[in-house]
Each structure stands twice: as structure tokens, then as C-alpha cells.
């Protein structure tokens, strides 16, 4: 995938949980970032002015792109390579960038949108809200740590924000899937975008499919996984059985989204 180096040019604390970092990209034409509201980029961390891939890589939503400058807002946790980097980053520090991706694609004919996110997806949710056409009807169901987190989100007419405070985000069990199931949804053709914990993404996908929604009516992505280290160990033991399902679906021309769904269903069947 296209790769470019970048330098930190500015850092700004937005709250006790969010750190803004502005990067100047060395080769912006090489880094093919998407224009979608949930456009992300993989950041390879650096120390002592050099990029060290072994120091770790994390994907972050692009809150704003202005020519060669990319703004990312990093959610700070109690530990982890991303938090260590974002907490200490200073102008002049170097990083590597690649794995530019996006998922948010409302289909033609969408009459309203359901946006579902926890703190990991909040920067993407904020950008999506900011870029919504004026007449868009949308519901944002968001799981946050405290009421103060809502101040990060832009206010838009036509958007109903439903917060769930103190659940999920690694602090407590998530309520996103159960909340989606209990929502009184508008009539007409809807579209669902989800960014949050992987197990909740699976449950939300099942929910919208049970409504009879077709695959072009949702883009549901797990941004992180609870107990990821234990999951990785179990997956390593079963990958020879699971990965061919994904690869076969792609070879059959089913597309990445449907191939991933078949892969995820296979993971669930064996307890992953």
C-alpha cells in the first residue's frame, strides 16, 4: 500500500481523553487517503526522530486534511503504544503513514442514517456529522465515558444524538447493540454506519440484517476488540481453517464486505 513519512507540526489537548496531532505529509500525492467521513490512516510510531515499525502501528481517523497537512484526534487510554506516542509527540517527531481506508458509503436513495459509535469512532463520527448535507435526517447513538465528551461533537439540525454514558469503551459491558435493537427507527430507507468494539459490531450487523436491510444499507466495522491478545492467540491456531473462507469469497467475486461477513460468521461458529 502507498507509504509516506510525515512530521508532527502541532499537538493540542482537546480534553482529558483526546489529543489532537497535526502532521505534515512528505508525499501527500502518494498517500491515497479517501474523502469519506471515516477516512483512516495507519500511523507507524517514531522515537528520537526516527520511525521504528517495531514500536507499533495504530489506525486513526483523519479529522481534517488540508493539502499536505493531516489532522488526527487520538483517544487516550491508560496504556498502549498509541497513547504513549500521542501523549509525548512533539513538533519535529517523525512517523510513517499507510493503510489509508474508509467504509462510510450511504447508498443512493438513503432517506435517513443511523450512526453508532463508541469513543474509538468518535472522531470519525464528528467528521461525518460535520460533512452531512443540511437536509440529512440522522440519529447518532454514541457510547461515551462522561458527559463532557459530547462537547467534541458538532451540533447539526436534523441530527438526534443519543448518548450512553459510562458503558463500553473497555470500562464496562457495551450497550450499543441492545440500544440499536430498542430504537424506534424512522420509516423509509435507512443506512447504518458503526464504529466500535468488534463483538458489538457483529451484534449490530445481525440486528440490521434482521430488519431486512441489504448489504448496501450498512457499513459496520470493528475498530477494536475486547481481550484482543487472547483472541489473537485463538485466531492463530485456527487461521488455516478460517482465512481460506475469506479468500474463497473474494475469488468468487463476492466483494470485500460480503467476504468479511462470511469470514466473521465462520469465526463466530468456532467461538472467535
C-alpha atoms as a PDB file:
ATOM      1  CA  UNK A   1       0.000   0.000   0.000  1.00  0.00           C
ATOM      2  CA  UNK A   2       1.169   3.617  -0.578  1.00  0.00           C
ATOM      3  CA  UNK A   3       3.511   4.753   2.190  1.00  0.00           C
ATOM      4  CA  UNK A   4       4.750   8.194   3.164  1.00  0.00           C
ATOM      5  CA  UNK A   5       6.668   9.679   6.053  1.00  0.00           C
ATOM      6  CA  UNK A   6       5.304  12.643   7.978  1.00  0.00           C
ATOM      7  CA  UNK A   7       6.381  15.084  10.682  1.00  0.00           C
ATOM      8  CA  UNK A   8       4.442  16.309  13.685  1.00  0.00           C
ATOM      9  CA  UNK A   9       3.874  20.067  13.333  1.00  0.00           C
ATOM     10  CA  UNK A  10       1.415  20.714  16.180  1.00  0.00           C
ATOM     11  CA  UNK A  11      -0.155  18.996  19.195  1.00  0.00           C
ATOM     12  CA  UNK A  12      -3.173  20.199  21.139  1.00  0.00           C
ATOM     13  CA  UNK A  13      -5.038  18.586  24.068  1.00  0.00           C
ATOM     14  CA  UNK A  14      -8.783  18.707  23.348  1.00  0.00           C
ATOM     15  CA  UNK A  15      -9.864  17.050  26.602  1.00  0.00           C
ATOM     16  CA  UNK A  16      -8.574  14.619  29.188  1.00  0.00           C
ATOM     17  CA  UNK A  17      -9.226  11.831  26.675  1.00  0.00           C
ATOM     18  CA  UNK A  18      -8.453  13.407  23.299  1.00  0.00           C
ATOM     19  CA  UNK A  19      -5.166  14.679  21.881  1.00  0.00           C
ATOM     20  CA  UNK A  20      -5.080  16.441  18.511  1.00  0.00           C
ATOM     21  CA  UNK A  21      -1.992  15.961  16.361  1.00  0.00           C
ATOM     22  CA  UNK A  22      -1.332  17.743  13.066  1.00  0.00           C
ATOM     23  CA  UNK A  23       1.054  16.019  10.642  1.00  0.00           C
ATOM     24  CA  UNK A  24       2.828  17.343   7.565  1.00  0.00           C
ATOM     25  CA  UNK A  25       2.964  14.550   4.985  1.00  0.00           C
ATOM     26  CA  UNK A  26       6.172  14.322   2.975  1.00  0.00           C
ATOM     27  CA  UNK A  27       4.498  12.902  -0.133  1.00  0.00           C
ATOM     28  CA  UNK A  28       0.771  13.717   0.019  1.00  0.00           C
ATOM     29  CA  UNK A  29       0.193  12.586  -3.564  1.00  0.00           C
ATOM     30  CA  UNK A  30       1.488   9.125  -2.652  1.00  0.00           C
ATOM     31  CA  UNK A  31      -0.697   8.719   0.425  1.00  0.00           C
ATOM     32  CA  UNK A  32      -4.038   7.974  -1.216  1.00  0.00           C
ATOM     33  CA  UNK A  33      -6.466   8.901   1.578  1.00  0.00           C
ATOM     34  CA  UNK A  34     -10.201   8.633   0.928  1.00  0.00           C
ATOM     35  CA  UNK A  35     -12.618  11.564   1.086  1.00  0.00           C
ATOM     36  CA  UNK A  36     -15.203   9.665   3.166  1.00  0.00           C
ATOM     37  CA  UNK A  37     -16.045  10.917   6.649  1.00  0.00           C
ATOM     38  CA  UNK A  38     -14.427   7.900   8.318  1.00  0.00           C
ATOM     39  CA  UNK A  39     -11.223   8.004   6.287  1.00  0.00           C
ATOM     40  CA  UNK A  40      -8.407   6.451   8.335  1.00  0.00           C
ATOM     41  CA  UNK A  41      -4.664   6.108   8.077  1.00  0.00           C
ATOM     42  CA  UNK A  42      -2.202   3.756   9.738  1.00  0.00           C
ATOM     43  CA  UNK A  43       0.422   5.567  11.827  1.00  0.00           C
ATOM     44  CA  UNK A  44       3.803   3.923  12.477  1.00  0.00           C
ATOM     45  CA  UNK A  45       5.278   5.496  15.563  1.00  0.00           C
ATOM     46  CA  UNK A  46       8.716   7.006  15.846  1.00  0.00           C
ATOM     47  CA  UNK A  47      11.167   7.918  18.586  1.00  0.00           C
ATOM     48  CA  UNK A  48      14.316  10.029  18.593  1.00  0.00           C
ATOM     49  CA  UNK A  49      13.367  11.473  15.217  1.00  0.00           C
ATOM     50  CA  UNK A  50      13.211   8.068  13.503  1.00  0.00           C
ATOM     51  CA  UNK A  51      10.349   5.720  12.583  1.00  0.00           C
ATOM     52  CA  UNK A  52      10.514   2.333  14.247  1.00  0.00           C
ATOM     53  CA  UNK A  53       7.881  -0.123  12.896  1.00  0.00           C
ATOM     54  CA  UNK A  54       8.535  -2.398  15.864  1.00  0.00           C
ATOM     55  CA  UNK A  55       7.278   0.394  18.140  1.00  0.00           C
ATOM     56  CA  UNK A  56       3.791  -0.275  16.831  1.00  0.00           C
ATOM     57  CA  UNK A  57       1.162   0.953  14.404  1.00  0.00           C
ATOM     58  CA  UNK A  58      -2.387   2.129  15.020  1.00  0.00           C
ATOM     59  CA  UNK A  59      -5.112   3.366  12.674  1.00  0.00           C
ATOM     60  CA  UNK A  60      -6.616   6.802  13.279  1.00  0.00           C
ATOM     61  CA  UNK A  61      -9.466   8.713  11.688  1.00  0.00           C
ATOM     62  CA  UNK A  62      -8.488  11.727   9.636  1.00  0.00           C
ATOM     63  CA  UNK A  63     -10.406  14.577  11.237  1.00  0.00           C
ATOM     64  CA  UNK A  64      -9.287  17.010   8.555  1.00  0.00           C
ATOM     65  CA  UNK A  65      -6.981  17.072   5.538  1.00  0.00           C
ATOM     66  CA  UNK A  66      -5.707  20.325   4.100  1.00  0.00           C
ATOM     67  CA  UNK A  67      -3.188  19.743   1.334  1.00  0.00           C
ATOM     68  CA  UNK A  68      -0.092  18.210   2.907  1.00  0.00           C
ATOM     69  CA  UNK A  69      -1.488  18.543   6.444  1.00  0.00           C
ATOM     70  CA  UNK A  70      -3.459  15.784   8.149  1.00  0.00           C
ATOM     71  CA  UNK A  71      -5.191  16.281  11.498  1.00  0.00           C
ATOM     72  CA  UNK A  72      -5.873  13.252  13.674  1.00  0.00           C
ATOM     73  CA  UNK A  73      -7.548  13.190  17.097  1.00  0.00           C
ATOM     74  CA  UNK A  74      -6.203  10.357  19.251  1.00  0.00           C
ATOM     75  CA  UNK A  75      -8.244   8.807  22.053  1.00  0.00           C
ATOM     76  CA  UNK A  76      -6.000   8.405  25.096  1.00  0.00           C
ATOM     77  CA  UNK A  77      -6.191   5.212  27.147  1.00  0.00           C
ATOM     78  CA  UNK A  78      -4.380   4.112  30.293  1.00  0.00           C
ATOM     79  CA  UNK A  79      -1.662   2.340  28.302  1.00  0.00           C
ATOM     80  CA  UNK A  80      -0.675   1.198  24.829  1.00  0.00           C
ATOM     81  CA  UNK A  81       1.719   2.337  22.100  1.00  0.00           C
ATOM     82  CA  UNK A  82      -0.773   4.784  20.587  1.00  0.00           C
ATOM     83  CA  UNK A  83      -1.386   6.518  23.893  1.00  0.00           C
ATOM     84  CA  UNK A  84       2.343   6.660  24.663  1.00  0.00           C
ATOM     85  CA  UNK A  85       3.048   8.224  21.292  1.00  0.00           C
ATOM     86  CA  UNK A  86       0.193  10.734  21.334  1.00  0.00           C
ATOM     87  CA  UNK A  87       0.956  11.798  24.917  1.00  0.00           C
ATOM     88  CA  UNK A  88       4.592  12.610  24.157  1.00  0.00           C
ATOM     89  CA  UNK A  89       4.523  13.656  20.486  1.00  0.00           C
ATOM     90  CA  UNK A  90       6.220  16.980  19.763  1.00  0.00           C
ATOM     91  CA  UNK A  91       6.861  19.091  16.652  1.00  0.00           C
ATOM     92  CA  UNK A  92       9.550  17.527  14.511  1.00  0.00           C
ATOM     93  CA  UNK A  93       8.809  13.928  15.528  1.00  0.00           C
ATOM     94  CA  UNK A  94       8.609  11.558  12.585  1.00  0.00           C
ATOM     95  CA  UNK A  95       6.026   8.877  11.771  1.00  0.00           C
ATOM     96  CA  UNK A  96       5.197   6.627   8.844  1.00  0.00           C
ATOM     97  CA  UNK A  97       1.749   6.576   7.233  1.00  0.00           C
ATOM     98  CA  UNK A  98      -0.056   3.972   5.131  1.00  0.00           C
ATOM     99  CA  UNK A  99      -3.130   1.698   5.085  1.00  0.00           C
ATOM    100  CA  UNK A 100      -5.464   4.545   4.109  1.00  0.00           C
ATOM    101  CA  UNK A 101      -9.028   3.177   4.188  1.00  0.00           C
ATOM    102  CA  UNK A 102     -12.669   4.164   4.640  1.00  0.00           C
ATOM    103  CA  UNK A 103     -16.061   2.458   4.997  1.00  0.00           C
ATOM    104  CA  UNK A 104     -18.794   5.115   5.217  1.00  0.00           C
ATOM    105  CA  UNK A 105     -20.775   4.948   1.963  1.00  0.00           C
ATOM    106  CA  UNK A 106     -24.518   5.670   2.193  1.00  0.00           C
ATOM    107  CA  UNK A 107     -26.182   4.183  -0.856  1.00  0.00           C
ATOM    108  CA  UNK A 108     -28.293   6.116  -3.333  1.00  0.00           C
ATOM    109  CA  UNK A 109     -31.833   6.551  -2.124  1.00  0.00           C
ATOM    110  CA  UNK A 110     -30.933   6.642   1.590  1.00  0.00           C
ATOM    111  CA  UNK A 111     -33.588   8.629   3.447  1.00  0.00           C
ATOM    112  CA  UNK A 112     -32.048   8.647   6.935  1.00  0.00           C
ATOM    113  CA  UNK A 113     -28.889   7.474   8.681  1.00  0.00           C
ATOM    114  CA  UNK A 114     -28.137   5.642  11.914  1.00  0.00           C
ATOM    115  CA  UNK A 115     -24.601   6.359  13.154  1.00  0.00           C
ATOM    116  CA  UNK A 116     -23.389   4.144  16.008  1.00  0.00           C
ATOM    117  CA  UNK A 117     -20.050   4.621  17.745  1.00  0.00           C
ATOM    118  CA  UNK A 118     -18.051   4.426  20.934  1.00  0.00           C
ATOM    119  CA  UNK A 119     -15.080   6.640  21.804  1.00  0.00           C
ATOM    120  CA  UNK A 120     -12.846   4.888  19.263  1.00  0.00           C
ATOM    121  CA  UNK A 121     -15.070   6.049  16.425  1.00  0.00           C
ATOM    122  CA  UNK A 122     -15.943   9.489  17.807  1.00  0.00           C
ATOM    123  CA  UNK A 123     -13.506  11.468  15.610  1.00  0.00           C
ATOM    124  CA  UNK A 124     -14.939   9.781  12.521  1.00  0.00           C
ATOM    125  CA  UNK A 125     -18.499  10.342  13.758  1.00  0.00           C
ATOM    126  CA  UNK A 126     -17.708  14.028  14.317  1.00  0.00           C
ATOM    127  CA  UNK A 127     -16.392  14.440  10.787  1.00  0.00           C
ATOM    128  CA  UNK A 128     -19.371  12.581   9.317  1.00  0.00           C
ATOM    129  CA  UNK A 129     -21.747  14.901  11.188  1.00  0.00           C
ATOM    130  CA  UNK A 130     -19.773  17.942  10.074  1.00  0.00           C
ATOM    131  CA  UNK A 131     -19.984  16.915   6.411  1.00  0.00           C
ATOM    132  CA  UNK A 132     -23.631  15.796   6.314  1.00  0.00           C
ATOM    133  CA  UNK A 133     -25.775  17.666   3.796  1.00  0.00           C
ATOM    134  CA  UNK A 134     -28.036  20.172   5.527  1.00  0.00           C
ATOM    135  CA  UNK A 135     -31.267  18.249   4.947  1.00  0.00           C
ATOM    136  CA  UNK A 136     -29.971  14.880   6.211  1.00  0.00           C
ATOM    137  CA  UNK A 137     -32.004  13.145   8.915  1.00  0.00           C
ATOM    138  CA  UNK A 138     -29.707  11.145  11.208  1.00  0.00           C
ATOM    139  CA  UNK A 139     -29.508   9.503  14.615  1.00  0.00           C
ATOM    140  CA  UNK A 140     -26.162   9.301  16.407  1.00  0.00           C
ATOM    141  CA  UNK A 141     -26.048   6.657  19.127  1.00  0.00           C
ATOM    142  CA  UNK A 142     -22.743   7.144  20.926  1.00  0.00           C
ATOM    143  CA  UNK A 143     -21.162   5.419  23.922  1.00  0.00           C
ATOM    144  CA  UNK A 144     -19.002   7.825  25.921  1.00  0.00           C
ATOM    145  CA  UNK A 145     -17.105   7.855  29.200  1.00  0.00           C
ATOM    146  CA  UNK A 146     -18.578  11.116  30.556  1.00  0.00           C
ATOM    147  CA  UNK A 147     -20.982  13.864  29.512  1.00  0.00           C
ATOM    148  CA  UNK A 148     -18.072  16.177  28.732  1.00  0.00           C
ATOM    149  CA  UNK A 149     -17.218  14.003  25.712  1.00  0.00           C
ATOM    150  CA  UNK A 150     -20.323  15.280  23.928  1.00  0.00           C
ATOM    151  CA  UNK A 151     -18.738  18.711  23.638  1.00  0.00           C
ATOM    152  CA  UNK A 152     -16.432  17.343  20.944  1.00  0.00           C
ATOM    153  CA  UNK A 153     -19.299  16.664  18.550  1.00  0.00           C
ATOM    154  CA  UNK A 154     -20.575  19.326  16.132  1.00  0.00           C
ATOM    155  CA  UNK A 155     -24.244  20.189  16.523  1.00  0.00           C
ATOM    156  CA  UNK A 156     -26.369  19.731  13.419  1.00  0.00           C
ATOM    157  CA  UNK A 157     -30.035  20.341  12.779  1.00  0.00           C
ATOM    158  CA  UNK A 158     -31.800  17.142  11.819  1.00  0.00           C
ATOM    159  CA  UNK A 159     -29.415  15.016  13.908  1.00  0.00           C
ATOM    160  CA  UNK A 160     -30.640  13.377  17.107  1.00  0.00           C
ATOM    161  CA  UNK A 161     -27.809  12.482  19.496  1.00  0.00           C
ATOM    162  CA  UNK A 162     -28.479   9.635  21.931  1.00  0.00           C
ATOM    163  CA  UNK A 163     -25.626   9.235  24.449  1.00  0.00           C
ATOM    164  CA  UNK A 164     -24.885   6.159  26.514  1.00  0.00           C
ATOM    165  CA  UNK A 165     -22.664   7.335  29.359  1.00  0.00           C
ATOM    166  CA  UNK A 166     -20.277   5.101  31.308  1.00  0.00           C
ATOM    167  CA  UNK A 167     -20.790   1.885  29.367  1.00  0.00           C
ATOM    168  CA  UNK A 168     -18.470   0.155  26.895  1.00  0.00           C
ATOM    169  CA  UNK A 169     -15.082   1.562  25.874  1.00  0.00           C
ATOM    170  CA  UNK A 170     -13.298  -1.062  27.972  1.00  0.00           C
ATOM    171  CA  UNK A 171     -14.769   0.324  31.201  1.00  0.00           C
ATOM    172  CA  UNK A 172     -17.945  -1.775  31.320  1.00  0.00           C
ATOM    173  CA  UNK A 173     -20.002  -4.011  29.009  1.00  0.00           C
ATOM    174  CA  UNK A 174     -21.217  -2.175  25.919  1.00  0.00           C
ATOM    175  CA  UNK A 175     -24.901  -1.424  25.381  1.00  0.00           C
ATOM    176  CA  UNK A 176     -24.666  -0.318  21.753  1.00  0.00           C
ATOM    177  CA  UNK A 177     -26.215  -3.433  20.204  1.00  0.00           C
ATOM    178  CA  UNK A 178     -29.070  -3.617  22.704  1.00  0.00           C
ATOM    179  CA  UNK A 179     -29.684   0.112  22.253  1.00  0.00           C
ATOM    180  CA  UNK A 180     -29.926  -0.307  18.480  1.00  0.00           C
ATOM    181  CA  UNK A 181     -32.408  -3.142  18.947  1.00  0.00           C
ATOM    182  CA  UNK A 182     -34.598  -0.939  21.138  1.00  0.00           C
ATOM    183  CA  UNK A 183     -34.537   2.186  18.971  1.00  0.00           C
ATOM    184  CA  UNK A 184     -37.724   3.447  17.383  1.00  0.00           C
ATOM    185  CA  UNK A 185     -36.337   3.876  13.883  1.00  0.00           C
ATOM    186  CA  UNK A 186     -37.755   6.180  11.211  1.00  0.00           C
ATOM    187  CA  UNK A 187     -39.650   4.805   8.245  1.00  0.00           C
ATOM    188  CA  UNK A 188     -38.130   4.774   4.792  1.00  0.00           C
ATOM    189  CA  UNK A 189     -34.805   3.507   3.519  1.00  0.00           C
ATOM    190  CA  UNK A 190     -32.136   3.712   6.205  1.00  0.00           C
ATOM    191  CA  UNK A 191     -28.366   3.342   6.328  1.00  0.00           C
ATOM    192  CA  UNK A 192     -26.287   2.258   9.327  1.00  0.00           C
ATOM    193  CA  UNK A 193     -22.638   3.111   9.985  1.00  0.00           C
ATOM    194  CA  UNK A 194     -20.961   1.529  13.028  1.00  0.00           C
ATOM    195  CA  UNK A 195     -17.504   2.028  14.536  1.00  0.00           C
ATOM    196  CA  UNK A 196     -16.719   0.374  17.866  1.00  0.00           C
ATOM    197  CA  UNK A 197     -15.857  -2.874  19.594  1.00  0.00           C
ATOM    198  CA  UNK A 198     -15.785  -5.939  17.315  1.00  0.00           C
ATOM    199  CA  UNK A 199     -18.256  -8.108  19.239  1.00  0.00           C
ATOM    200  CA  UNK A 200     -20.779  -5.249  19.270  1.00  0.00           C
ATOM    201  CA  UNK A 201     -20.269  -4.725  15.545  1.00  0.00           C
ATOM    202  CA  UNK A 202     -21.253  -8.353  14.968  1.00  0.00           C
ATOM    203  CA  UNK A 203     -24.418  -7.950  17.030  1.00  0.00           C
ATOM    204  CA  UNK A 204     -25.406  -4.695  15.313  1.00  0.00           C
ATOM    205  CA  UNK A 205     -24.880  -6.291  11.892  1.00  0.00           C
ATOM    206  CA  UNK A 206     -27.245  -9.091  12.842  1.00  0.00           C
ATOM    207  CA  UNK A 207     -29.784  -6.546  14.039  1.00  0.00           C
ATOM    208  CA  UNK A 208     -29.929  -4.544  10.812  1.00  0.00           C
ATOM    209  CA  UNK A 209     -29.976  -7.707   8.722  1.00  0.00           C
ATOM    210  CA  UNK A 210     -32.951  -8.927  10.758  1.00  0.00           C
ATOM    211  CA  UNK A 211     -34.770  -5.784   9.599  1.00  0.00           C
ATOM    212  CA  UNK A 212     -34.375  -6.981   6.027  1.00  0.00           C
ATOM    213  CA  UNK A 213     -31.704  -4.441   5.139  1.00  0.00           C
ATOM    214  CA  UNK A 214     -29.496  -5.267   2.168  1.00  0.00           C
ATOM    215  CA  UNK A 215     -25.699  -5.190   2.314  1.00  0.00           C
ATOM    216  CA  UNK A 216     -25.544  -1.746   0.678  1.00  0.00           C
ATOM    217  CA  UNK A 217     -27.523  -0.290   3.607  1.00  0.00           C
ATOM    218  CA  UNK A 218     -24.809  -0.697   6.220  1.00  0.00           C
ATOM    219  CA  UNK A 219     -21.071  -0.356   6.801  1.00  0.00           C
ATOM    220  CA  UNK A 220     -20.284  -1.897  10.166  1.00  0.00           C
ATOM    221  CA  UNK A 221     -16.669  -2.057  11.292  1.00  0.00           C
ATOM    222  CA  UNK A 222     -14.961  -3.263  14.451  1.00  0.00           C
ATOM    223  CA  UNK A 223     -12.404  -0.616  15.397  1.00  0.00           C
ATOM    224  CA  UNK A 224     -11.023  -2.589  18.348  1.00  0.00           C
ATOM    225  CA  UNK A 225     -11.510  -5.893  20.149  1.00  0.00           C
ATOM    226  CA  UNK A 226     -12.001  -6.579  23.833  1.00  0.00           C
ATOM    227  CA  UNK A 227      -9.397  -9.100  25.113  1.00  0.00           C
ATOM    228  CA  UNK A 228      -7.592  -8.790  21.790  1.00  0.00           C
ATOM    229  CA  UNK A 229      -4.445 -10.596  22.935  1.00  0.00           C
ATOM    230  CA  UNK A 230      -6.371 -13.732  23.897  1.00  0.00           C
ATOM    231  CA  UNK A 231      -8.366 -13.516  20.657  1.00  0.00           C
ATOM    232  CA  UNK A 232      -5.155 -13.251  18.619  1.00  0.00           C
ATOM    233  CA  UNK A 233      -3.820 -16.445  20.208  1.00  0.00           C
ATOM    234  CA  UNK A 234      -7.012 -18.355  19.422  1.00  0.00           C
ATOM    235  CA  UNK A 235      -7.117 -16.979  15.890  1.00  0.00           C
ATOM    236  CA  UNK A 236      -3.516 -18.002  15.232  1.00  0.00           C
ATOM    237  CA  UNK A 237      -4.489 -21.594  15.981  1.00  0.00           C
ATOM    238  CA  UNK A 238      -7.477 -21.513  13.636  1.00  0.00           C
ATOM    239  CA  UNK A 239      -6.366 -19.220  10.819  1.00  0.00           C
ATOM    240  CA  UNK A 240      -5.577 -22.114   8.453  1.00  0.00           C
ATOM    241  CA  UNK A 241      -9.260 -23.026   8.699  1.00  0.00           C
ATOM    242  CA  UNK A 242     -10.728 -19.511   8.653  1.00  0.00           C
ATOM    243  CA  UNK A 243      -8.677 -17.441   6.191  1.00  0.00           C
ATOM    244  CA  UNK A 244      -9.483 -19.654   3.143  1.00  0.00           C
ATOM    245  CA  UNK A 245     -13.174 -18.785   3.632  1.00  0.00           C
ATOM    246  CA  UNK A 246     -12.396 -15.090   3.138  1.00  0.00           C
ATOM    247  CA  UNK A 247     -10.035 -15.741   0.254  1.00  0.00           C
ATOM    248  CA  UNK A 248     -12.505 -18.042  -1.495  1.00  0.00           C
ATOM    249  CA  UNK A 249     -15.295 -15.478  -1.218  1.00  0.00           C
ATOM    250  CA  UNK A 250     -13.055 -12.837  -2.813  1.00  0.00           C
ATOM    251  CA  UNK A 251     -12.087 -15.243  -5.591  1.00  0.00           C
ATOM    252  CA  UNK A 252     -15.788 -15.839  -6.259  1.00  0.00           C
ATOM    253  CA  UNK A 253     -16.257 -12.100  -6.801  1.00  0.00           C
ATOM    254  CA  UNK A 254     -18.382 -11.502  -3.715  1.00  0.00           C
ATOM    255  CA  UNK A 255     -16.565  -8.296  -2.771  1.00  0.00           C
ATOM    256  CA  UNK A 256     -14.682  -7.392   0.385  1.00  0.00           C
ATOM    257  CA  UNK A 257     -17.736  -6.607   2.526  1.00  0.00           C
ATOM    258  CA  UNK A 258     -19.562  -9.874   1.881  1.00  0.00           C
ATOM    259  CA  UNK A 259     -16.295 -11.839   2.083  1.00  0.00           C
ATOM    260  CA  UNK A 260     -15.652 -10.356   5.516  1.00  0.00           C
ATOM    261  CA  UNK A 261     -19.170 -11.234   6.670  1.00  0.00           C
ATOM    262  CA  UNK A 262     -18.646 -14.878   5.682  1.00  0.00           C
ATOM    263  CA  UNK A 263     -15.270 -14.810   7.435  1.00  0.00           C
ATOM    264  CA  UNK A 264     -16.779 -13.259  10.579  1.00  0.00           C
ATOM    265  CA  UNK A 265     -19.625 -15.793  10.664  1.00  0.00           C
ATOM    266  CA  UNK A 266     -17.055 -18.595  10.430  1.00  0.00           C
ATOM    267  CA  UNK A 267     -15.118 -17.039  13.325  1.00  0.00           C
ATOM    268  CA  UNK A 268     -18.281 -16.921  15.419  1.00  0.00           C
ATOM    269  CA  UNK A 269     -19.083 -20.573  14.695  1.00  0.00           C
ATOM    270  CA  UNK A 270     -15.783 -21.681  16.245  1.00  0.00           C
ATOM    271  CA  UNK A 271     -16.042 -19.296  19.200  1.00  0.00           C
ATOM    272  CA  UNK A 272     -13.846 -16.444  17.988  1.00  0.00           C
END
